[in-house]
Protein backbone atom coordinates (compact mmCIF):
# COMPACT_ATOMS: atom_id res chain seq x y z
CA UNK A 1 -17.84 -41.39 -2.02
CA UNK A 2 -20.00 -38.65 -3.50
CA UNK A 3 -20.78 -37.30 -0.02
CA UNK A 4 -17.07 -37.20 0.84
CA UNK A 5 -16.33 -35.34 -2.39
CA UNK A 6 -19.03 -32.76 -1.59
CA UNK A 7 -17.62 -32.31 1.91
CA UNK A 8 -14.14 -31.80 0.42
CA UNK A 9 -15.40 -29.20 -2.07
CA UNK A 10 -17.27 -27.40 0.71
CA UNK A 11 -14.11 -27.44 2.84
CA UNK A 12 -12.06 -25.88 0.03
CA UNK A 13 -14.75 -23.26 -0.50
CA UNK A 14 -14.67 -22.31 3.18
CA UNK A 15 -10.88 -22.00 3.08
CA UNK A 16 -11.09 -19.76 0.02
CA UNK A 17 -13.73 -17.55 1.67
CA UNK A 18 -11.63 -17.18 4.80
CA UNK A 19 -8.72 -15.85 2.72
CA UNK A 20 -10.76 -13.42 0.62
CA UNK A 21 -12.93 -10.48 1.53
CA UNK A 22 -16.31 -9.38 0.27
CA UNK A 23 -16.01 -6.29 -1.89
CA UNK A 24 -18.59 -3.61 -1.28
CA UNK A 25 -19.63 -0.37 -2.90
CA UNK A 26 -17.48 2.61 -1.94
CA UNK A 27 -19.48 5.53 -0.51
CA UNK A 28 -16.77 8.13 0.00
CA UNK A 29 -13.42 8.91 -1.58
CA UNK A 30 -10.70 10.83 0.25
CA UNK A 31 -7.58 12.01 -1.56
CA UNK A 32 -4.37 12.69 0.34
CA UNK A 33 -1.08 14.18 -0.78
CA UNK A 34 1.88 12.87 1.17
CA UNK A 35 5.33 14.43 1.16
CA UNK A 36 7.44 11.37 1.89
CA UNK A 37 11.06 10.31 2.12
CA UNK A 38 10.57 6.71 1.06
CA UNK A 39 14.24 6.82 0.05
CA UNK A 40 16.28 8.68 2.66
CA UNK A 41 17.23 12.17 1.52
CA UNK A 42 14.75 12.28 -1.37
CA UNK A 43 11.32 13.78 -0.79
CA UNK A 44 8.53 13.15 -3.29
CA UNK A 45 4.82 13.89 -3.16
CA UNK A 46 2.67 10.77 -3.41
CA UNK A 47 -1.06 10.96 -4.04
CA UNK A 48 -3.05 8.39 -2.08
CA UNK A 49 -6.71 7.41 -2.26
CA UNK A 50 -8.91 6.16 0.56
CA UNK A 51 -12.17 4.58 -0.63
CA UNK A 52 -14.63 4.06 2.21
CA UNK A 53 -17.61 1.70 2.17
CA UNK A 54 -20.24 0.78 4.74
CA UNK A 55 -17.97 -1.62 6.67
CA UNK A 56 -14.56 -1.55 4.95
CA UNK A 57 -12.09 0.86 3.39
CA UNK A 58 -9.11 0.55 1.05
CA UNK A 59 -6.01 2.76 0.99
CA UNK A 60 -3.99 2.76 -2.24
CA UNK A 61 -1.84 4.73 -4.67
CA UNK A 62 -3.67 5.15 -7.99
CA UNK A 63 -0.44 5.96 -9.85
CA UNK A 64 0.71 2.40 -9.25
CA UNK A 65 -2.56 0.98 -10.57
CA UNK A 66 -2.33 3.10 -13.73
CA UNK A 67 1.35 2.20 -14.21
CA UNK A 68 0.78 -1.52 -13.76
CA UNK A 69 -2.26 -1.52 -16.04
CA UNK A 70 -0.45 0.32 -18.86
CA UNK A 71 2.60 -1.92 -18.55
CA UNK A 72 0.38 -5.00 -18.82
CA UNK A 73 -1.23 -3.65 -21.99
CA UNK A 74 2.19 -3.04 -23.59
CA UNK A 75 3.27 -6.57 -22.70
CA UNK A 76 0.03 -8.05 -24.10
CA UNK A 77 0.50 -6.19 -27.39
CA UNK A 78 4.25 -6.45 -27.89
CA UNK A 79 5.58 -9.10 -25.53
CA UNK A 80 8.33 -8.97 -22.92
CA UNK A 81 10.82 -7.02 -25.05
CA UNK A 82 8.31 -4.24 -25.67
CA UNK A 83 7.52 -4.11 -21.97
CA UNK A 84 11.21 -3.86 -21.04
CA UNK A 85 11.80 -1.12 -23.62
CA UNK A 86 8.85 0.93 -22.36
CA UNK A 87 9.45 0.32 -18.65
CA UNK A 88 11.51 3.51 -17.97
CA UNK A 89 9.07 5.66 -19.95
CA UNK A 90 5.94 4.32 -18.28
CA UNK A 91 7.60 4.35 -14.87
CA UNK A 92 8.49 8.02 -15.33
CA UNK A 93 4.97 8.84 -16.50
CA UNK A 94 3.48 7.67 -13.21
CA UNK A 95 6.25 8.79 -10.88
CA UNK A 96 6.12 8.66 -7.91
CA UNK A 97 4.19 5.46 -7.34
CA UNK A 98 3.84 2.92 -4.54
CA UNK A 99 2.29 -0.56 -4.66
CA UNK A 100 1.10 -0.54 -1.02
CA UNK A 101 -2.59 -1.41 -0.54
CA UNK A 102 -4.40 -1.78 2.79
CA UNK A 103 -7.95 -3.01 3.34
CA UNK A 104 -9.31 -2.05 6.77
CA UNK A 105 -12.24 -3.90 8.35
CA UNK A 106 -11.66 -7.25 6.64
CA UNK A 107 -11.88 -10.19 7.03
CA UNK A 108 -13.32 -9.07 10.40
CA UNK A 109 -14.12 -5.61 11.70
CA UNK A 110 -11.03 -5.43 13.90
CA UNK A 111 -8.56 -6.60 11.23
CA UNK A 112 -6.78 -5.31 8.17
CA UNK A 113 -5.12 -6.89 5.13
CA UNK A 114 -1.74 -5.49 4.07
CA UNK A 115 -0.53 -5.88 0.46
CA UNK A 116 3.03 -5.04 -0.60
CA UNK A 117 5.76 -6.27 -2.90
CA UNK A 118 9.15 -7.44 -1.66
CA UNK A 119 11.52 -7.50 -4.63
CA UNK A 120 9.25 -8.90 -7.35
CA UNK A 121 6.98 -10.94 -5.08
CA UNK A 122 3.55 -9.69 -4.04
CA UNK A 123 2.83 -10.53 -0.40
CA UNK A 124 -0.16 -10.06 1.88
CA UNK A 125 -0.92 -10.64 5.53
CA UNK A 126 -3.89 -10.28 7.85
CA UNK A 127 -3.39 -8.72 11.27
CA UNK A 128 -5.40 -7.19 14.09
CA UNK A 129 -6.03 -3.49 13.61
CA UNK A 130 -3.83 -1.73 16.20
CA UNK A 131 -5.60 0.07 19.02
CA UNK A 132 -3.95 3.49 19.14
CA UNK A 133 -3.98 5.34 22.48
CA UNK A 134 -4.63 8.85 21.22
CA UNK A 135 -3.84 11.89 23.33
CA UNK A 136 -6.35 14.60 22.42
CA UNK A 137 -5.35 18.27 22.48
CA UNK A 138 -7.25 21.59 22.26
CA UNK A 139 -5.56 22.68 19.03
CA UNK A 140 -7.76 23.21 15.96
CA UNK A 141 -7.25 24.01 12.28
CA UNK A 142 -9.26 23.98 9.06
CA UNK A 143 -8.52 21.46 6.31
CA UNK A 144 -10.61 21.27 3.12
CA UNK A 145 -13.11 23.60 4.82
CA UNK A 146 -13.63 21.16 7.70
CA UNK A 147 -12.78 22.12 11.26
CA UNK A 148 -10.27 19.65 12.66
CA UNK A 149 -8.94 18.79 16.09
CA UNK A 150 -5.48 17.51 16.98
CA UNK A 151 -4.45 14.18 18.48
CA UNK A 152 -1.13 12.42 19.05
CA UNK A 153 -0.57 8.67 19.07
CA UNK A 154 1.96 5.93 18.29
CA UNK A 155 1.73 2.80 16.18
CA UNK A 156 4.38 0.37 14.92
CA UNK A 157 7.27 2.49 16.15
CA UNK A 158 6.17 5.87 14.80
CA UNK A 159 4.52 8.73 16.66
CA UNK A 160 1.91 10.61 14.65
CA UNK A 161 0.37 14.03 15.10
CA UNK A 162 -2.98 13.98 13.32
CA UNK A 163 -5.91 16.28 12.61
CA UNK A 164 -9.41 14.79 12.53
CA UNK A 165 -12.85 16.23 11.84
CA UNK A 166 -15.94 15.22 13.80
CA UNK A 167 -17.95 16.75 10.95
CA UNK A 168 -17.00 13.57 9.07
CA UNK A 169 -17.81 10.75 11.54
CA UNK A 170 -15.71 8.10 9.76
CA UNK A 171 -13.28 5.94 11.73
CA UNK A 172 -10.53 5.97 9.11
CA UNK A 173 -7.47 7.83 7.95
CA UNK A 174 -4.35 7.37 5.81
CA UNK A 175 -2.32 4.18 6.29
CA UNK A 176 -3.86 2.27 9.25
CA UNK A 177 -4.42 5.35 11.41
CA UNK A 178 -7.82 4.92 13.05
CA UNK A 179 -9.80 5.10 16.26
CA UNK A 180 -10.81 8.77 16.42
CA UNK A 181 -14.39 10.16 16.38
CA UNK A 182 -13.89 11.56 12.90
CA UNK A 183 -12.01 11.18 9.64
CA UNK A 184 -8.26 11.84 9.92
CA UNK A 185 -7.57 14.70 7.52
CA UNK A 186 -3.84 15.13 8.11
CA UNK A 187 -1.05 13.12 9.73
CA UNK A 188 2.66 13.77 10.22
CA UNK A 189 5.19 11.47 11.89
CA UNK A 190 7.58 12.86 14.49
CA UNK A 191 10.63 12.40 12.22
CA UNK A 192 9.05 14.40 9.42
CA UNK A 193 9.45 11.55 6.93
CA UNK A 194 5.74 11.23 6.12
CA UNK A 195 3.34 14.17 5.95
CA UNK A 196 -0.24 13.44 4.79
CA UNK A 197 -2.82 16.09 4.07
CA UNK A 198 -6.31 15.62 2.63
CA UNK A 199 -6.82 17.56 -0.59
CA UNK A 200 -10.30 16.27 -1.42
CA UNK A 201 -13.32 14.60 0.20
CA UNK A 202 -16.18 13.54 -2.06
CA UNK A 203 -18.78 10.91 -2.79
CA UNK A 204 -17.18 7.91 -4.50
CA UNK A 205 -17.99 7.27 -8.18
CA UNK A 206 -21.02 5.04 -8.68
CA UNK A 207 -18.93 2.13 -9.97
CA UNK A 208 -16.21 2.36 -7.30
CA UNK A 209 -15.67 -0.71 -5.13
CA UNK A 210 -13.57 -1.16 -2.01
CA UNK A 211 -11.18 -3.38 -3.92
CA UNK A 212 -7.56 -4.48 -4.22
CA UNK A 213 -5.64 -4.36 -7.49
CA UNK A 214 -4.37 -7.81 -8.54
CA UNK A 215 -5.54 -9.52 -5.36
CA UNK A 216 -4.63 -12.97 -6.71
CA UNK A 217 -1.00 -12.03 -7.39
CA UNK A 218 -0.19 -11.72 -3.67
CA UNK A 219 1.01 -14.68 -1.61
CA UNK A 220 -0.23 -15.05 1.94
CA UNK A 221 2.23 -14.83 4.83
CA UNK A 222 2.38 -13.53 8.40
CA UNK A 223 3.30 -9.99 9.38
CA UNK A 224 6.41 -11.29 11.13
CA UNK A 225 7.53 -13.10 7.99
CA UNK A 226 6.79 -10.09 5.80
CA UNK A 227 8.94 -7.80 7.96
CA UNK A 228 11.73 -10.38 7.92
CA UNK A 229 11.68 -10.66 4.12
CA UNK A 230 11.55 -6.89 3.74
CA UNK A 231 14.50 -6.42 6.04
CA UNK A 232 16.56 -9.09 4.27
CA UNK A 233 15.84 -7.63 0.83
CA UNK A 234 17.10 -4.20 1.87
CA UNK A 235 20.33 -5.44 3.35
CA UNK A 236 21.80 -6.77 0.11
CA UNK A 237 24.05 -5.10 -2.46
CA UNK A 238 23.14 -4.41 -6.09
CA UNK A 239 24.52 -7.69 -7.49
CA UNK A 240 22.76 -9.74 -4.85
CA UNK A 241 19.56 -7.82 -5.60
CA UNK A 242 19.70 -8.65 -9.29
CA UNK A 243 20.72 -12.26 -8.68
CA UNK A 244 17.93 -12.79 -6.18
CA UNK A 245 15.31 -11.46 -8.60
CA UNK A 246 16.74 -13.55 -11.44
CA UNK A 247 16.70 -16.65 -9.27
CA UNK A 248 12.95 -16.23 -8.80
CA UNK A 249 12.38 -16.36 -12.57
CA UNK A 250 12.00 -19.85 -14.04
CA UNK A 251 10.79 -18.91 -17.53
CA UNK A 252 14.17 -17.62 -18.76
CA UNK A 253 12.73 -14.24 -19.70
CA UNK A 254 15.06 -11.24 -19.84
CA UNK A 255 14.99 -9.18 -16.65
CA UNK A 256 16.51 -5.74 -16.16
CA UNK A 257 16.51 -4.18 -12.71
CA UNK A 258 16.62 -0.39 -12.75
CA UNK A 259 18.11 1.68 -9.98
CA UNK A 260 16.53 4.78 -8.48
CA UNK A 261 18.37 6.92 -11.06
CA UNK A 262 16.99 4.82 -13.93
CA UNK A 263 20.21 3.02 -14.86
CA UNK A 264 20.69 -0.73 -15.17
CA UNK A 265 21.77 -1.94 -11.73
CA UNK A 266 23.77 -4.82 -13.19
CA UNK A 267 26.17 -2.58 -15.15
CA UNK A 268 26.24 0.53 -12.97
CA UNK A 269 29.23 0.14 -10.66
CA UNK A 270 28.55 3.42 -8.87
CA UNK A 271 25.05 2.59 -7.65
CA UNK A 272 24.44 2.39 -3.91
CA UNK A 273 21.66 0.41 -2.27
CA UNK A 274 19.38 3.13 -0.84
CA UNK A 275 18.08 3.27 2.72
CA UNK A 276 14.31 3.00 2.75
CA UNK A 277 11.86 4.43 5.26
CA UNK A 278 8.57 2.69 5.95
CA UNK A 279 5.28 3.76 7.49
CA UNK A 280 5.75 0.95 9.99
CA UNK A 281 9.16 0.86 11.68
CA UNK A 282 8.50 -2.35 13.60
């Protein structure tokens, strides 16, 4: 019986290890500014961070981490009502923000883990890192004092024109753009909805890890299921949106859903459900 119990514990441990990834020390930190129309017709500049380690890298928006951390502190000190009262203020303080996180090179070298919220549910999936068939050109330009070359390639329904530097022999870039003989310093999609440009390349802080914020708060699913849930959540009207979020709450806590303009979606009869653009179209 004892042997069977040990086997069972070992089995659970192996399952857990297969779902997690080993965090490593970050060696480099790249900062990108991205002019993006996440909501159609509204362009905002998002600041993204790419922390690169020996075998993995993580792409994330630090504004979201700061926002989420401050909101959690307010809730811990004053409870749910304090959090709700401060939500518009804290949200505005860290605007614009985005909860997307991507770990490249984990669990295996040719894979990535994608973390994103759909409504109020954190989801994650593991998928093979796409092999992008880059078309190299002779064009060059200088970005952050590094000489860069141009390449064009498509992934998940978007065509990207990118600039990479062989002076920085790192097989990474913003989002999941990869596969060139140097760090991708700039990337723009053919529709002009997303325009990344590196604004800083430096050694990572000594205590920086290639890590995900609130890893345990994300439920595992497949990429197909994630895209389905995302599509379904964006096809509903404001009342359905609020009702769906409320239906996911079992504690009875008060929930207010704010629209893009900052008003309460439940009482604003003029609000329209916005059309969202995503880095991956398919």
